[in-house]
PDB file of all heavy atoms in Angstrom:
ATOM      1  N   TYR A   1     119.206 101.224  76.156  1.00  0.00           N
ATOM      2  CA  TYR A   1     119.189 100.234  75.040  1.00  0.00           C
ATOM      3  C   TYR A   1     119.945  98.973  75.441  1.00  0.00           C
ATOM      4  O   TYR A   1     119.509  97.839  75.107  1.00  0.00           O
ATOM      5  CB  TYR A   1     119.739 100.824  73.732  1.00  0.00           C
ATOM      6  CG  TYR A   1     118.673 101.481  72.946  1.00  0.00           C
ATOM      7  CD1 TYR A   1     118.324 102.794  73.148  1.00  0.00           C
ATOM      8  CD2 TYR A   1     117.977 100.728  71.996  1.00  0.00           C
ATOM      9  CE1 TYR A   1     117.289 103.396  72.399  1.00  0.00           C
ATOM     10  CE2 TYR A   1     116.932 101.365  71.215  1.00  0.00           C
ATOM     11  CZ  TYR A   1     116.602 102.643  71.470  1.00  0.00           C
ATOM     12  OH  TYR A   1     115.544 103.183  70.717  1.00  0.00           O
ATOM     13  N   LYS A   2     121.000  99.088  76.145  1.00  0.00           N
ATOM     14  CA  LYS A   2     121.779  97.950  76.608  1.00  0.00           C
ATOM     15  C   LYS A   2     120.927  97.099  77.558  1.00  0.00           C
ATOM     16  O   LYS A   2     120.912  95.878  77.456  1.00  0.00           O
ATOM     17  CB  LYS A   2     123.058  98.368  77.259  1.00  0.00           C
ATOM     18  CG  LYS A   2     123.906  97.185  77.762  1.00  0.00           C
ATOM     19  CD  LYS A   2     125.212  97.646  78.405  1.00  0.00           C
ATOM     20  CE  LYS A   2     125.979  96.507  78.890  1.00  0.00           C
ATOM     21  NZ  LYS A   2     127.258  96.922  79.614  1.00  0.00           N
ATOM     22  N   ALA A   3     120.221  97.762  78.465  1.00  0.00           N
ATOM     23  CA  ALA A   3     119.416  97.039  79.498  1.00  0.00           C
ATOM     24  C   ALA A   3     118.313  96.196  78.784  1.00  0.00           C
ATOM     25  O   ALA A   3     118.012  95.059  79.311  1.00  0.00           O
ATOM     26  CB  ALA A   3     118.787  98.059  80.441  1.00  0.00           C
ATOM     27  N   PHE A   4     117.747  96.735  77.740  1.00  0.00           N
ATOM     28  CA  PHE A   4     116.642  95.989  77.017  1.00  0.00           C
ATOM     29  C   PHE A   4     117.061  95.291  75.782  1.00  0.00           C
ATOM     30  O   PHE A   4     116.267  94.877  74.924  1.00  0.00           O
ATOM     31  CB  PHE A   4     115.514  96.995  76.751  1.00  0.00           C
ATOM     32  CG  PHE A   4     114.593  97.334  77.856  1.00  0.00           C
ATOM     33  CD1 PHE A   4     114.917  98.422  78.641  1.00  0.00           C
ATOM     34  CD2 PHE A   4     113.535  96.574  78.188  1.00  0.00           C
ATOM     35  CE1 PHE A   4     114.041  98.823  79.765  1.00  0.00           C
ATOM     36  CE2 PHE A   4     112.675  96.882  79.236  1.00  0.00           C
ATOM     37  CZ  PHE A   4     112.979  97.982  80.018  1.00  0.00           C
ATOM     38  N   SER A   5     118.346  95.044  75.632  1.00  0.00           N
ATOM     39  CA  SER A   5     118.908  94.389  74.467  1.00  0.00           C
ATOM     40  C   SER A   5     118.403  92.975  74.287  1.00  0.00           C
ATOM     41  O   SER A   5     118.517  92.387  73.253  1.00  0.00           O
ATOM     42  CB  SER A   5     120.393  94.454  74.452  1.00  0.00           C
ATOM     43  OG  SER A   5     120.930  93.780  75.568  1.00  0.00           O
ATOM     44  N   TRP A   6     117.927  92.395  75.409  1.00  0.00           N
ATOM     45  CA  TRP A   6     117.335  91.016  75.297  1.00  0.00           C
ATOM     46  C   TRP A   6     116.096  90.924  74.402  1.00  0.00           C
ATOM     47  O   TRP A   6     115.732  89.890  73.911  1.00  0.00           O
ATOM     48  CB  TRP A   6     116.994  90.465  76.704  1.00  0.00           C
ATOM     49  CG  TRP A   6     115.997  91.387  77.444  1.00  0.00           C
ATOM     50  CD1 TRP A   6     116.370  92.322  78.358  1.00  0.00           C
ATOM     51  CD2 TRP A   6     114.553  91.362  77.357  1.00  0.00           C
ATOM     52  NE1 TRP A   6     115.198  92.926  78.846  1.00  0.00           N
ATOM     53  CE2 TRP A   6     114.134  92.343  78.275  1.00  0.00           C
ATOM     54  CE3 TRP A   6     113.655  90.550  76.652  1.00  0.00           C
ATOM     55  CZ2 TRP A   6     112.828  92.560  78.457  1.00  0.00           C
ATOM     56  CZ3 TRP A   6     112.292  90.813  76.826  1.00  0.00           C
ATOM     57  CH2 TRP A   6     111.865  91.862  77.757  1.00  0.00           C
ATOM     58  N   ASN A   7     115.476  92.146  74.234  1.00  0.00           N
ATOM     59  CA  ASN A   7     114.291  92.214  73.381  1.00  0.00           C
ATOM     60  C   ASN A   7     114.554  92.713  72.037  1.00  0.00           C
ATOM     61  O   ASN A   7     115.042  93.910  71.889  1.00  0.00           O
ATOM     62  CB  ASN A   7     113.231  93.043  74.061  1.00  0.00           C
ATOM     63  CG  ASN A   7     111.899  93.082  73.221  1.00  0.00           C
ATOM     64  OD1 ASN A   7     111.608  94.016  72.515  1.00  0.00           O
ATOM     65  ND2 ASN A   7     111.084  92.072  73.443  1.00  0.00           N
ATOM     66  N   LYS A   8     114.501  91.881  70.979  1.00  0.00           N
ATOM     67  CA  LYS A   8     114.977  92.241  69.603  1.00  0.00           C
ATOM     68  C   LYS A   8     114.313  93.497  69.072  1.00  0.00           C
ATOM     69  O   LYS A   8     114.995  94.320  68.396  1.00  0.00           O
ATOM     70  CB  LYS A   8     114.642  91.071  68.682  1.00  0.00           C
ATOM     71  CG  LYS A   8     115.195  91.236  67.305  1.00  0.00           C
ATOM     72  CD  LYS A   8     114.952  90.058  66.417  1.00  0.00           C
ATOM     73  CE  LYS A   8     115.527  90.213  65.020  1.00  0.00           C
ATOM     74  NZ  LYS A   8     115.209  89.012  64.161  1.00  0.00           N
ATOM     75  N   GLY A   9     113.077  93.740  69.419  1.00  0.00           N
ATOM     76  CA  GLY A   9     112.383  94.910  68.802  1.00  0.00           C
ATOM     77  C   GLY A   9     112.294  96.111  69.668  1.00  0.00           C
ATOM     78  O   GLY A   9     111.615  97.115  69.398  1.00  0.00           O
ATOM     79  N   PHE A  10     113.114  96.111  70.818  1.00  0.00           N
ATOM     80  CA  PHE A  10     112.967  97.223  71.780  1.00  0.00           C
ATOM     81  C   PHE A  10     113.205  98.584  71.132  1.00  0.00           C
ATOM     82  O   PHE A  10     114.111  98.795  70.320  1.00  0.00           O
ATOM     83  CB  PHE A  10     113.975  97.076  72.899  1.00  0.00           C
ATOM     84  CG  PHE A  10     113.938  98.253  73.847  1.00  0.00           C
ATOM     85  CD1 PHE A  10     112.892  98.453  74.815  1.00  0.00           C
ATOM     86  CD2 PHE A  10     114.950  99.245  73.752  1.00  0.00           C
ATOM     87  CE1 PHE A  10     112.925  99.529  75.588  1.00  0.00           C
ATOM     88  CE2 PHE A  10     114.962 100.336  74.619  1.00  0.00           C
ATOM     89  CZ  PHE A  10     113.886 100.485  75.572  1.00  0.00           C
ATOM     90  N   LYS A  11     112.376  99.561  71.598  1.00  0.00           N
ATOM     91  CA  LYS A  11     112.620 100.923  71.116  1.00  0.00           C
ATOM     92  C   LYS A  11     112.103 101.909  72.226  1.00  0.00           C
ATOM     93  O   LYS A  11     110.997 101.738  72.815  1.00  0.00           O
ATOM     94  CB  LYS A  11     111.843 101.269  69.805  1.00  0.00           C
ATOM     95  CG  LYS A  11     112.303 102.547  69.170  1.00  0.00           C
ATOM     96  CD  LYS A  11     111.748 102.709  67.742  1.00  0.00           C
ATOM     97  CE  LYS A  11     112.247 103.939  67.042  1.00  0.00           C
ATOM     98  NZ  LYS A  11     113.688 103.789  66.731  1.00  0.00           N
ATOM     99  N   GLU A  12     112.903 102.955  72.412  1.00  0.00           N
ATOM    100  CA  GLU A  12     112.515 104.061  73.315  1.00  0.00           C
ATOM    101  C   GLU A  12     112.004 105.164  72.440  1.00  0.00           C
ATOM    102  O   GLU A  12     112.627 105.649  71.546  1.00  0.00           O
ATOM    103  CB  GLU A  12     113.698 104.523  74.125  1.00  0.00           C
ATOM    104  CG  GLU A  12     113.661 105.933  74.664  1.00  0.00           C
ATOM    105  CD  GLU A  12     112.545 106.205  75.643  1.00  0.00           C
ATOM    106  OE1 GLU A  12     112.038 105.226  76.240  1.00  0.00           O
ATOM    107  OE2 GLU A  12     112.229 107.369  75.921  1.00  0.00           O
ATOM    108  N   TYR A  13     110.756 105.612  72.755  1.00  0.00           N
ATOM    109  CA  TYR A  13     110.059 106.759  72.145  1.00  0.00           C
ATOM    110  C   TYR A  13     110.158 107.911  73.149  1.00  0.00           C
ATOM    111  O   TYR A  13     109.337 107.939  74.124  1.00  0.00           O
ATOM    112  CB  TYR A  13     108.679 106.477  71.719  1.00  0.00           C
ATOM    113  CG  TYR A  13     108.548 105.502  70.619  1.00  0.00           C
ATOM    114  CD1 TYR A  13     108.598 104.147  70.826  1.00  0.00           C
ATOM    115  CD2 TYR A  13     108.436 105.982  69.271  1.00  0.00           C
ATOM    116  CE1 TYR A  13     108.465 103.238  69.766  1.00  0.00           C
ATOM    117  CE2 TYR A  13     108.363 105.021  68.248  1.00  0.00           C
ATOM    118  CZ  TYR A  13     108.374 103.684  68.466  1.00  0.00           C
ATOM    119  OH  TYR A  13     108.263 102.814  67.430  1.00  0.00           O
ATOM    120  N   PHE A  14     111.082 108.808  72.990  1.00  0.00           N
ATOM    121  CA  PHE A  14     111.255 109.895  73.897  1.00  0.00           C
ATOM    122  C   PHE A  14     110.002 110.793  74.012  1.00  0.00           C
ATOM    123  O   PHE A  14     109.465 111.208  72.945  1.00  0.00           O
ATOM    124  CB  PHE A  14     112.451 110.767  73.597  1.00  0.00           C
ATOM    125  CG  PHE A  14     112.624 111.963  74.490  1.00  0.00           C
ATOM    126  CD1 PHE A  14     112.973 111.769  75.821  1.00  0.00           C
ATOM    127  CD2 PHE A  14     112.444 113.269  73.996  1.00  0.00           C
ATOM    128  CE1 PHE A  14     113.152 112.918  76.674  1.00  0.00           C
ATOM    129  CE2 PHE A  14     112.587 114.345  74.852  1.00  0.00           C
ATOM    130  CZ  PHE A  14     112.892 114.206  76.215  1.00  0.00           C
ATOM    131  N   ALA A  15     109.560 111.068  75.242  1.00  0.00           N
ATOM    132  CA  ALA A  15     108.331 111.926  75.420  1.00  0.00           C
ATOM    133  C   ALA A  15     108.661 113.397  75.036  1.00  0.00           C
ATOM    134  O   ALA A  15     109.266 114.018  75.880  1.00  0.00           O
ATOM    135  CB  ALA A  15     107.862 111.779  76.813  1.00  0.00           C
ATOM    136  N   VAL A  16     108.270 113.835  73.903  1.00  0.00           N
ATOM    137  CA  VAL A  16     108.635 115.183  73.481  1.00  0.00           C
ATOM    138  C   VAL A  16     108.101 116.185  74.443  1.00  0.00           C
ATOM    139  O   VAL A  16     108.800 117.273  74.671  1.00  0.00           O
ATOM    140  CB  VAL A  16     107.985 115.459  72.054  1.00  0.00           C
ATOM    141  CG1 VAL A  16     108.302 116.855  71.581  1.00  0.00           C
ATOM    142  CG2 VAL A  16     108.585 114.425  71.046  1.00  0.00           C
ATOM    143  N   LYS A  17     106.970 115.960  75.107  1.00  0.00           N
ATOM    144  CA  LYS A  17     106.451 116.967  76.043  1.00  0.00           C
ATOM    145  C   LYS A  17     107.377 117.266  77.139  1.00  0.00           C
ATOM    146  O   LYS A  17     107.334 118.351  77.739  1.00  0.00           O
ATOM    147  CB  LYS A  17     105.108 116.442  76.618  1.00  0.00           C
ATOM    148  CG  LYS A  17     105.228 115.162  77.366  1.00  0.00           C
ATOM    149  CD  LYS A  17     103.815 114.750  77.879  1.00  0.00           C
ATOM    150  CE  LYS A  17     103.895 113.308  78.456  1.00  0.00           C
ATOM    151  NZ  LYS A  17     103.955 112.295  77.329  1.00  0.00           N
ATOM    152  N   ALA A  18     108.355 116.359  77.496  1.00  0.00           N
ATOM    153  CA  ALA A  18     109.259 116.582  78.563  1.00  0.00           C
ATOM    154  C   ALA A  18     110.278 117.626  78.279  1.00  0.00           C
ATOM    155  O   ALA A  18     110.608 118.446  79.095  1.00  0.00           O
ATOM    156  CB  ALA A  18     109.927 115.249  78.954  1.00  0.00           C
ATOM    157  N   THR A  19     110.790 117.599  76.994  1.00  0.00           N
ATOM    158  CA  THR A  19     111.848 118.602  76.611  1.00  0.00           C
ATOM    159  C   THR A  19     111.685 118.783  75.100  1.00  0.00           C
ATOM    160  O   THR A  19     112.423 118.227  74.286  1.00  0.00           O
ATOM    161  CB  THR A  19     113.210 117.996  76.897  1.00  0.00           C
ATOM    162  OG1 THR A  19     113.255 117.391  78.163  1.00  0.00           O
ATOM    163  CG2 THR A  19     114.243 119.134  76.922  1.00  0.00           C
ATOM    164  N   PRO A  20     110.803 119.674  74.662  1.00  0.00           N
ATOM    165  CA  PRO A  20     110.494 119.834  73.294  1.00  0.00           C
ATOM    166  C   PRO A  20     111.513 120.729  72.602  1.00  0.00           C
ATOM    167  O   PRO A  20     111.214 121.881  72.279  1.00  0.00           O
ATOM    168  CB  PRO A  20     109.114 120.470  73.248  1.00  0.00           C
ATOM    169  CG  PRO A  20     109.029 121.208  74.550  1.00  0.00           C
ATOM    170  CD  PRO A  20     109.842 120.401  75.563  1.00  0.00           C
ATOM    171  N   ASN A  21     112.670 120.177  72.358  1.00  0.00           N
ATOM    172  CA  ASN A  21     113.760 120.980  71.659  1.00  0.00           C
ATOM    173  C   ASN A  21     114.342 120.136  70.571  1.00  0.00           C
ATOM    174  O   ASN A  21     114.754 118.954  70.830  1.00  0.00           O
ATOM    175  CB  ASN A  21     114.850 121.394  72.644  1.00  0.00           C
ATOM    176  CG  ASN A  21     115.862 122.312  72.023  1.00  0.00           C
ATOM    177  OD1 ASN A  21     116.671 121.811  71.219  1.00  0.00           O
ATOM    178  ND2 ASN A  21     115.815 123.589  72.434  1.00  0.00           N
ATOM    179  N   PRO A  22     114.391 120.648  69.367  1.00  0.00           N
ATOM    180  CA  PRO A  22     114.852 119.898  68.154  1.00  0.00           C
ATOM    181  C   PRO A  22     116.292 119.260  68.382  1.00  0.00           C
ATOM    182  O   PRO A  22     116.549 118.152  67.975  1.00  0.00           O
ATOM    183  CB  PRO A  22     114.883 120.835  67.045  1.00  0.00           C
ATOM    184  CG  PRO A  22     113.885 121.864  67.422  1.00  0.00           C
ATOM    185  CD  PRO A  22     113.944 121.995  68.948  1.00  0.00           C
ATOM    186  N   THR A  23     117.160 120.007  69.070  1.00  0.00           N
ATOM    187  CA  THR A  23     118.531 119.549  69.204  1.00  0.00           C
ATOM    188  C   THR A  23     118.516 118.298  70.137  1.00  0.00           C
ATOM    189  O   THR A  23     119.205 117.314  69.890  1.00  0.00           O
ATOM    190  CB  THR A  23     119.395 120.604  69.859  1.00  0.00           C
ATOM    191  OG1 THR A  23     119.427 121.773  68.975  1.00  0.00           O
ATOM    192  CG2 THR A  23     120.838 120.100  69.991  1.00  0.00           C
ATOM    193  N   ILE A  24     117.685 118.349  71.240  1.00  0.00           N
ATOM    194  CA  ILE A  24     117.539 117.194  72.091  1.00  0.00           C
ATOM    195  C   ILE A  24     116.979 115.988  71.314  1.00  0.00           C
ATOM    196  O   ILE A  24     117.486 114.857  71.442  1.00  0.00           O
ATOM    197  CB  ILE A  24     116.719 117.499  73.297  1.00  0.00           C
ATOM    198  CG1 ILE A  24     117.351 118.652  74.162  1.00  0.00           C
ATOM    199  CG2 ILE A  24     116.461 116.260  74.150  1.00  0.00           C
ATOM    200  CD1 ILE A  24     118.651 118.288  74.708  1.00  0.00           C
ATOM    201  N   LEU A  25     115.993 116.226  70.553  1.00  0.00           N
ATOM    202  CA  LEU A  25     115.370 115.109  69.763  1.00  0.00           C
ATOM    203  C   LEU A  25     116.331 114.506  68.804  1.00  0.00           C
ATOM    204  O   LEU A  25     116.347 113.287  68.652  1.00  0.00           O
ATOM    205  CB  LEU A  25     114.118 115.626  68.976  1.00  0.00           C
ATOM    206  CG  LEU A  25     112.999 116.224  69.828  1.00  0.00           C
ATOM    207  CD1 LEU A  25     111.751 116.414  68.942  1.00  0.00           C
ATOM    208  CD2 LEU A  25     112.595 115.413  71.056  1.00  0.00           C
ATOM    209  N   LYS A  26     117.153 115.331  68.166  1.00  0.00           N
ATOM    210  CA  LYS A  26     118.122 114.857  67.182  1.00  0.00           C
ATOM    211  C   LYS A  26     119.205 113.971  67.908  1.00  0.00           C
ATOM    212  O   LYS A  26     119.694 112.958  67.377  1.00  0.00           O
ATOM    213  CB  LYS A  26     118.786 115.944  66.467  1.00  0.00           C
ATOM    214  CG  LYS A  26     117.850 116.638  65.475  1.00  0.00           C
ATOM    215  CD  LYS A  26     118.506 117.857  64.776  1.00  0.00           C
ATOM    216  CE  LYS A  26     117.562 118.552  63.795  1.00  0.00           C
ATOM    217  NZ  LYS A  26     118.222 119.694  63.153  1.00  0.00           N
ATOM    218  N   ILE A  27     119.667 114.460  69.080  1.00  0.00           N
ATOM    219  CA  ILE A  27     120.640 113.676  69.839  1.00  0.00           C
ATOM    220  C   ILE A  27     120.143 112.336  70.173  1.00  0.00           C
ATOM    221  O   ILE A  27     120.803 111.285  69.960  1.00  0.00           O
ATOM    222  CB  ILE A  27     121.043 114.448  71.138  1.00  0.00           C
ATOM    223  CG1 ILE A  27     121.889 115.701  70.791  1.00  0.00           C
ATOM    224  CG2 ILE A  27     121.828 113.546  72.059  1.00  0.00           C
ATOM    225  CD1 ILE A  27     122.126 116.588  71.944  1.00  0.00           C
ATOM    226  N   LEU A  28     118.919 112.282  70.648  1.00  0.00           N
ATOM    227  CA  LEU A  28     118.307 110.998  71.087  1.00  0.00           C
ATOM    228  C   LEU A  28     117.973 110.130  69.844  1.00  0.00           C
ATOM    229  O   LEU A  28     118.180 108.896  69.938  1.00  0.00           O
ATOM    230  CB  LEU A  28     117.054 111.257  71.943  1.00  0.00           C
ATOM    231  CG  LEU A  28     117.301 111.830  73.319  1.00  0.00           C
ATOM    232  CD1 LEU A  28     115.999 112.241  73.948  1.00  0.00           C
ATOM    233  CD2 LEU A  28     117.990 110.882  74.191  1.00  0.00           C
ATOM    234  N   HIS A  29     117.605 110.749  68.729  1.00  0.00           N
ATOM    235  CA  HIS A  29     117.326 109.974  67.543  1.00  0.00           C
ATOM    236  C   HIS A  29     118.652 109.283  67.025  1.00  0.00           C
ATOM    237  O   HIS A  29     118.623 108.118  66.544  1.00  0.00           O
ATOM    238  CB  HIS A  29     116.827 110.870  66.455  1.00  0.00           C
ATOM    239  CG  HIS A  29     116.225 110.109  65.279  1.00  0.00           C
ATOM    240  ND1 HIS A  29     116.493 110.381  63.932  1.00  0.00           N
ATOM    241  CD2 HIS A  29     115.337 109.068  65.262  1.00  0.00           C
ATOM    242  CE1 HIS A  29     115.856 109.535  63.182  1.00  0.00           C
ATOM    243  NE2 HIS A  29     115.133 108.705  63.962  1.00  0.00           N
ATOM    244  N   GLU A  30     119.739 110.052  67.173  1.00  0.00           N
ATOM    245  CA  GLU A  30     121.076 109.430  66.838  1.00  0.00           C
ATOM    246  C   GLU A  30     121.366 108.180  67.730  1.00  0.00           C
ATOM    247  O   GLU A  30     122.130 107.278  67.321  1.00  0.00           O
ATOM    248  CB  GLU A  30     122.177 110.420  66.958  1.00  0.00           C
ATOM    249  CG  GLU A  30     122.182 111.474  65.906  1.00  0.00           C
ATOM    250  CD  GLU A  30     123.288 112.522  66.040  1.00  0.00           C
ATOM    251  OE1 GLU A  30     124.084 112.350  66.974  1.00  0.00           O
ATOM    252  OE2 GLU A  30     123.279 113.489  65.280  1.00  0.00           O
ATOM    253  N   CYS A  31     120.791 108.178  68.897  1.00  0.00           N
ATOM    254  CA  CYS A  31     121.008 107.063  69.852  1.00  0.00           C
ATOM    255  C   CYS A  31     119.963 105.974  69.645  1.00  0.00           C
ATOM    256  O   CYS A  31     119.883 105.032  70.466  1.00  0.00           O
ATOM    257  CB  CYS A  31     120.969 107.575  71.317  1.00  0.00           C
ATOM    258  SG  CYS A  31     122.288 108.762  71.724  1.00  0.00           S
ATOM    259  N   GLY A  32     119.090 106.111  68.646  1.00  0.00           N
ATOM    260  CA  GLY A  32     118.131 105.066  68.316  1.00  0.00           C
ATOM    261  C   GLY A  32     116.766 105.346  68.807  1.00  0.00           C
ATOM    262  O   GLY A  32     115.814 104.535  68.623  1.00  0.00           O
ATOM    263  N   CYS A  33     116.503 106.458  69.444  1.00  0.00           N
ATOM    264  CA  CYS A  33     115.186 106.801  69.993  1.00  0.00           C
ATOM    265  C   CYS A  33     114.248 107.414  68.957  1.00  0.00           C
ATOM    266  O   CYS A  33     114.629 108.134  68.093  1.00  0.00           O
ATOM    267  CB  CYS A  33     115.312 107.768  71.128  1.00  0.00           C
ATOM    268  SG  CYS A  33     116.314 107.200  72.545  1.00  0.00           S
ATOM    269  N   GLY A  34     112.962 107.061  69.116  1.00  0.00           N
ATOM    270  CA  GLY A  34     111.912 107.744  68.356  1.00  0.00           C
ATOM    271  C   GLY A  34     111.342 108.880  69.192  1.00  0.00           C
ATOM    272  O   GLY A  34     111.940 109.288  70.184  1.00  0.00           O
ATOM    273  N   THR A  35     110.166 109.271  68.860  1.00  0.00           N
ATOM    274  CA  THR A  35     109.486 110.334  69.645  1.00  0.00           C
ATOM    275  C   THR A  35     108.063 109.868  70.014  1.00  0.00           C
ATOM    276  O   THR A  35     107.347 109.283  69.190  1.00  0.00           O
ATOM    277  CB  THR A  35     109.398 111.668  68.869  1.00  0.00           C
ATOM    278  OG1 THR A  35     108.783 111.439  67.552  1.00  0.00           O
ATOM    279  CG2 THR A  35     110.798 112.275  68.670  1.00  0.00           C
ATOM    280  N   ASP A  36     107.671 110.211  71.171  1.00  0.00           N
ATOM    281  CA  ASP A  36     106.313 110.036  71.699  1.00  0.00           C
ATOM    282  C   ASP A  36     105.669 111.452  71.546  1.00  0.00           C
ATOM    283  O   ASP A  36     106.034 112.365  72.266  1.00  0.00           O
ATOM    284  CB  ASP A  36     106.335 109.549  73.139  1.00  0.00           C
ATOM    285  CG  ASP A  36     105.058 109.879  73.879  1.00  0.00           C
ATOM    286  OD1 ASP A  36     103.960 109.753  73.230  1.00  0.00           O
ATOM    287  OD2 ASP A  36     105.085 110.161  75.058  1.00  0.00           O
ATOM    288  N   CYS A  37     104.680 111.579  70.701  1.00  0.00           N
ATOM    289  CA  CYS A  37     104.042 112.863  70.466  1.00  0.00           C
ATOM    290  C   CYS A  37     102.591 112.845  70.931  1.00  0.00           C
ATOM    291  O   CYS A  37     101.923 111.779  70.835  1.00  0.00           O
ATOM    292  CB  CYS A  37     104.057 113.208  68.975  1.00  0.00           C
ATOM    293  SG  CYS A  37     105.712 113.354  68.207  1.00  0.00           S
ATOM    294  N   SER A  38     102.074 113.998  71.343  1.00  0.00           N
ATOM    295  CA  SER A  38     100.697 114.013  71.815  1.00  0.00           C
ATOM    296  C   SER A  38      99.959 115.323  71.317  1.00  0.00           C
ATOM    297  O   SER A  38      98.881 115.563  71.763  1.00  0.00           O
ATOM    298  CB  SER A  38     100.658 114.025  73.347  1.00  0.00           C
ATOM    299  OG  SER A  38     101.413 115.103  73.926  1.00  0.00           O
ATOM    300  N   SER A  39     100.561 115.978  70.360  1.00  0.00           N
ATOM    301  CA  SER A  39      99.904 117.180  69.838  1.00  0.00           C
ATOM    302  C   SER A  39     100.458 117.527  68.419  1.00  0.00           C
ATOM    303  O   SER A  39     101.445 116.885  68.021  1.00  0.00           O
ATOM    304  CB  SER A  39     100.231 118.367  70.722  1.00  0.00           C
ATOM    305  OG  SER A  39     101.595 118.761  70.632  1.00  0.00           O
ATOM    306  N   LEU A  40      99.739 118.411  67.737  1.00  0.00           N
ATOM    307  CA  LEU A  40     100.170 118.749  66.350  1.00  0.00           C
ATOM    308  C   LEU A  40     101.636 119.371  66.378  1.00  0.00           C
ATOM    309  O   LEU A  40     102.449 118.985  65.528  1.00  0.00           O
ATOM    310  CB  LEU A  40      99.199 119.748  65.787  1.00  0.00           C
ATOM    311  CG  LEU A  40      99.537 120.256  64.369  1.00  0.00           C
ATOM    312  CD1 LEU A  40      99.507 119.085  63.407  1.00  0.00           C
ATOM    313  CD2 LEU A  40      98.485 121.338  63.955  1.00  0.00           C
ATOM    314  N   ALA A  41     101.834 120.257  67.346  1.00  0.00           N
ATOM    315  CA  ALA A  41     103.190 120.878  67.393  1.00  0.00           C
ATOM    316  C   ALA A  41     104.321 119.875  67.591  1.00  0.00           C
ATOM    317  O   ALA A  41     105.360 119.942  67.011  1.00  0.00           O
ATOM    318  CB  ALA A  41     103.154 121.899  68.506  1.00  0.00           C
ATOM    319  N   GLU A  42     104.042 118.845  68.462  1.00  0.00           N
ATOM    320  CA  GLU A  42     105.095 117.870  68.621  1.00  0.00           C
ATOM    321  C   GLU A  42     105.289 116.967  67.411  1.00  0.00           C
ATOM    322  O   GLU A  42     106.407 116.578  67.118  1.00  0.00           O
ATOM    323  CB  GLU A  42     104.643 116.976  69.862  1.00  0.00           C
ATOM    324  CG  GLU A  42     104.692 117.753  71.136  1.00  0.00           C
ATOM    325  CD  GLU A  42     104.321 116.957  72.328  1.00  0.00           C
ATOM    326  OE1 GLU A  42     103.895 115.818  72.223  1.00  0.00           O
ATOM    327  OE2 GLU A  42     104.326 117.612  73.494  1.00  0.00           O
TER     328      GLU A  42
END
C-alpha cells in the first residue's frame, strides 16, 4: 500500500485461490485488502 500510495484509489484484491483460509483473509482485510474470487466457494 505504501508503494502504490501515489494512486488515490489503489486497492489490492488478494487472490483467494492462493491461500483460501478465513483467518488469512481477515488479516489482509484489516490491512485494506479485498478478495479476488473465481468460484462460488471463494
